[in-house]
N, C-alpha and C. Protein backbone atom coordinates (compact mmCIF):
# COMPACT_ATOMS: atom_id res chain seq x y z
N MET A 1 -13.60 -13.33 -13.99
CA MET A 1 -13.24 -14.53 -13.03
C MET A 1 -14.09 -15.40 -13.44
N SER A 2 -13.61 -16.90 -13.07
CA SER A 2 -14.17 -18.18 -13.83
C SER A 2 -15.08 -18.35 -12.94
N ARG A 3 -16.20 -19.41 -13.15
CA ARG A 3 -17.29 -19.80 -12.46
C ARG A 3 -16.57 -20.77 -11.56
N LEU A 4 -17.13 -20.58 -10.34
CA LEU A 4 -16.81 -21.53 -9.18
C LEU A 4 -17.34 -22.88 -9.02
N GLU A 5 -16.65 -23.63 -9.01
CA GLU A 5 -17.38 -24.89 -8.61
C GLU A 5 -16.64 -25.98 -7.99
N GLY A 6 -17.14 -26.88 -7.43
CA GLY A 6 -16.56 -28.05 -6.20
C GLY A 6 -16.86 -27.58 -4.88
N ASP A 7 -16.29 -27.76 -3.99
CA ASP A 7 -16.49 -27.78 -2.54
C ASP A 7 -15.58 -26.74 -1.78
N VAL A 8 -16.10 -25.81 -1.28
CA VAL A 8 -15.39 -24.43 -1.00
C VAL A 8 -15.39 -24.06 0.59
N GLN A 9 -14.98 -23.42 1.46
CA GLN A 9 -15.12 -22.83 2.40
C GLN A 9 -15.45 -21.56 2.40
N ALA A 10 -16.41 -20.94 3.29
CA ALA A 10 -16.78 -19.73 3.54
C ALA A 10 -17.16 -19.22 4.61
N THR A 11 -17.54 -17.93 4.78
CA THR A 11 -18.33 -17.53 6.20
C THR A 11 -19.34 -16.71 6.05
N VAL A 12 -20.60 -17.19 6.71
CA VAL A 12 -21.84 -16.86 6.65
C VAL A 12 -21.46 -15.28 6.73
N ALA A 13 -22.67 -14.46 5.96
CA ALA A 13 -23.06 -12.78 6.03
C ALA A 13 -24.41 -12.78 6.56
N THR A 14 -24.88 -13.50 5.85
CA THR A 14 -26.47 -13.39 6.44
C THR A 14 -27.51 -14.95 6.25
N PHE A 15 -28.19 -14.52 7.36
CA PHE A 15 -29.06 -16.02 7.27
C PHE A 15 -30.46 -15.47 8.13
N SER A 16 -31.54 -15.98 7.26
CA SER A 16 -32.88 -15.76 7.68
C SER A 16 -33.39 -16.94 7.89
N ALA A 17 -33.50 -17.27 9.37
CA ALA A 17 -34.45 -18.71 9.69
C ALA A 17 -35.75 -18.53 9.38
N SER A 18 -36.74 -17.82 9.07
CA SER A 18 -37.71 -17.88 8.49
C SER A 18 -37.79 -18.60 6.73
N THR A 19 -36.75 -17.99 6.25
CA THR A 19 -36.49 -18.49 4.71
C THR A 19 -36.01 -19.54 4.93
N ARG A 20 -34.77 -19.87 5.74
CA ARG A 20 -33.63 -20.80 5.69
C ARG A 20 -32.79 -20.51 4.62
N SER A 21 -32.38 -19.38 4.35
CA SER A 21 -31.48 -19.19 3.02
C SER A 21 -30.61 -17.89 3.59
N GLY A 22 -29.66 -17.26 2.82
CA GLY A 22 -28.70 -16.27 3.34
C GLY A 22 -27.80 -16.22 2.33
N THR A 23 -26.49 -15.62 2.78
CA THR A 23 -25.34 -15.37 1.86
C THR A 23 -23.88 -15.55 2.59
N VAL A 24 -23.10 -16.16 1.96
CA VAL A 24 -21.86 -16.56 2.11
C VAL A 24 -20.78 -15.55 1.63
N LEU A 25 -19.81 -15.10 2.36
CA LEU A 25 -18.66 -14.92 1.69
C LEU A 25 -17.15 -15.73 1.65
N LEU A 26 -16.93 -15.86 0.19
CA LEU A 26 -15.54 -16.55 0.17
C LEU A 26 -14.83 -15.91 0.63
N ASP A 27 -13.59 -16.38 1.00
CA ASP A 27 -12.12 -16.05 1.23
C ASP A 27 -11.81 -15.27 -0.06
N ASP A 28 -12.17 -15.26 -1.05
CA ASP A 28 -11.86 -14.17 -2.06
C ASP A 28 -12.53 -12.96 -2.27
N GLY A 29 -13.69 -12.87 -1.11
CA GLY A 29 -14.63 -11.56 -1.20
C GLY A 29 -15.56 -11.86 -2.03
N ARG A 30 -15.41 -12.79 -2.70
CA ARG A 30 -17.27 -13.10 -3.65
C ARG A 30 -18.05 -13.53 -2.23
N SER A 31 -19.13 -13.09 -3.09
CA SER A 31 -20.44 -13.50 -2.24
C SER A 31 -21.27 -14.08 -2.81
N LEU A 32 -22.02 -15.21 -2.12
CA LEU A 32 -22.75 -16.25 -2.77
C LEU A 32 -23.99 -16.64 -1.85
N SER A 33 -25.19 -16.42 -2.72
CA SER A 33 -26.60 -16.74 -2.07
C SER A 33 -26.79 -18.60 -1.87
N PHE A 34 -27.27 -18.61 -1.06
CA PHE A 34 -27.99 -20.20 -1.04
C PHE A 34 -29.24 -20.06 -0.40
N ASP A 35 -29.85 -20.95 -1.32
CA ASP A 35 -31.59 -21.25 -0.83
C ASP A 35 -31.87 -22.27 0.59
N ALA A 36 -33.00 -22.49 0.33
CA ALA A 36 -33.46 -23.19 1.45
C ALA A 36 -33.21 -24.75 1.37
N GLN A 37 -33.45 -25.25 0.05
CA GLN A 37 -33.10 -26.61 -0.50
C GLN A 37 -31.61 -26.74 -0.04
N ALA A 38 -30.54 -25.99 -0.38
CA ALA A 38 -29.21 -25.96 -0.12
C ALA A 38 -29.01 -26.39 1.45
N PHE A 39 -29.58 -25.29 1.90
CA PHE A 39 -29.40 -25.63 3.75
C PHE A 39 -30.11 -27.11 4.19
N SER A 40 -31.47 -27.29 3.76
CA SER A 40 -31.95 -28.43 3.91
C SER A 40 -30.80 -29.51 3.83
N LYS A 41 -30.09 -29.81 3.17
CA LYS A 41 -28.81 -30.57 2.58
C LYS A 41 -28.25 -30.88 4.28
N SER A 42 -27.98 -29.91 5.12
CA SER A 42 -27.38 -29.89 6.18
C SER A 42 -28.06 -30.29 7.57
N SER A 43 -27.60 -31.00 8.68
CA SER A 43 -28.10 -31.34 9.75
C SER A 43 -28.60 -30.32 10.64
N LEU A 44 -28.39 -28.84 10.18
CA LEU A 44 -28.37 -28.21 10.74
C LEU A 44 -29.70 -27.35 11.30
N ARG A 45 -30.25 -26.42 12.16
CA ARG A 45 -31.45 -26.01 12.43
C ARG A 45 -31.18 -24.37 12.08
N MET A 46 -29.84 -23.94 12.12
CA MET A 46 -29.77 -22.40 12.15
C MET A 46 -28.21 -22.19 11.73
N LEU A 47 -27.87 -21.18 11.40
CA LEU A 47 -26.28 -20.74 11.19
C LEU A 47 -26.26 -19.16 11.78
N ARG A 48 -25.33 -18.80 11.89
CA ARG A 48 -24.88 -17.43 12.88
C ARG A 48 -24.08 -16.60 11.97
N LEU A 49 -23.94 -15.44 12.17
CA LEU A 49 -23.11 -15.04 11.25
C LEU A 49 -21.44 -15.01 11.61
N GLY A 50 -20.59 -15.24 10.82
CA GLY A 50 -19.43 -15.05 10.99
C GLY A 50 -19.20 -17.06 10.96
N GLN A 51 -20.14 -17.33 10.94
CA GLN A 51 -19.84 -19.00 11.41
C GLN A 51 -18.97 -19.41 10.23
N ARG A 52 -17.88 -20.06 10.18
CA ARG A 52 -17.56 -20.93 8.98
C ARG A 52 -17.86 -22.03 8.44
N VAL A 53 -18.42 -22.20 7.27
CA VAL A 53 -19.20 -23.42 6.54
C VAL A 53 -18.44 -24.05 5.39
N VAL A 54 -18.85 -25.20 5.22
CA VAL A 54 -18.25 -25.94 4.03
C VAL A 54 -19.53 -25.53 2.66
N LEU A 55 -19.51 -25.53 1.72
CA LEU A 55 -20.30 -25.81 0.71
C LEU A 55 -20.00 -26.19 -0.82
N ARG A 56 -20.99 -26.74 -1.31
CA ARG A 56 -21.01 -27.69 -2.82
C ARG A 56 -21.48 -26.44 -3.66
N VAL A 57 -20.54 -26.48 -4.71
CA VAL A 57 -21.23 -25.25 -5.54
C VAL A 57 -20.76 -26.21 -7.39
N VAL A 58 -22.12 -25.82 -7.75
CA VAL A 58 -22.47 -26.50 -8.83
C VAL A 58 -22.96 -25.46 -10.05
N ASP A 59 -22.25 -25.28 -11.29
CA ASP A 59 -22.68 -24.27 -12.04
C ASP A 59 -22.62 -22.96 -11.48
N GLY A 60 -21.89 -22.47 -10.40
CA GLY A 60 -21.91 -21.20 -9.86
C GLY A 60 -23.17 -21.11 -8.84
N ARG A 61 -24.03 -22.31 -8.81
CA ARG A 61 -25.15 -22.26 -7.42
C ARG A 61 -24.77 -23.05 -6.27
N VAL A 62 -24.94 -22.42 -5.22
CA VAL A 62 -24.75 -23.40 -3.75
C VAL A 62 -25.78 -24.43 -3.74
N VAL A 63 -25.75 -25.52 -4.18
CA VAL A 63 -26.02 -26.82 -3.91
C VAL A 63 -26.59 -27.47 -2.43
N ALA A 64 -25.44 -27.36 -1.28
CA ALA A 64 -25.29 -27.78 -0.22
C ALA A 64 -24.35 -26.63 0.74
N ILE A 65 -24.85 -26.95 1.58
CA ILE A 65 -24.15 -26.00 2.86
C ILE A 65 -23.98 -26.80 4.34
N ASN A 66 -22.78 -26.40 4.95
CA ASN A 66 -23.07 -27.34 6.33
C ASN A 66 -22.15 -26.71 7.16
N HIS A 67 -21.88 -26.83 8.42
CA HIS A 67 -20.92 -26.64 9.71
C HIS A 67 -19.49 -27.06 8.81
N ILE A 68 -18.44 -26.44 8.74
CA ILE A 68 -17.18 -27.00 8.57
C ILE A 68 -16.69 -28.15 8.82
N ALA A 69 -16.90 -28.43 9.95
CA ALA A 69 -16.53 -30.02 10.85
C ALA A 69 -17.37 -31.16 10.15
N LEU A 70 -18.39 -30.86 9.63
CA LEU A 70 -19.25 -31.95 8.85
C LEU A 70 -19.58 -32.03 7.76
N PRO A 71 -19.72 -33.54 7.38
CA PRO A 71 -19.67 -34.03 5.64
C PRO A 71 -20.97 -33.13 5.17
N LEU A 72 -20.81 -32.82 3.75
CA LEU A 72 -21.80 -32.32 2.80
C LEU A 72 -22.69 -33.71 2.53
N ASP A 73 -22.05 -34.52 2.50
CA ASP A 73 -22.58 -35.89 2.06
C ASP A 73 -23.50 -36.34 3.02
């Protein structure tokens, strides 16, 4: 499978409020992790399991995440 790049939608699978990191499931079933740095690019204070999000992936790594109705930039 090719390396994922660009802006994609996903579903929150896990989120830790203490570390501000977690994982998302892409629509094709792949799982990606995101760290506090990616989460800090959003205007959100938390994520809930099952929430739809949009994320930016560069070199296979999530660099930004936000609520699906909000912009990444």
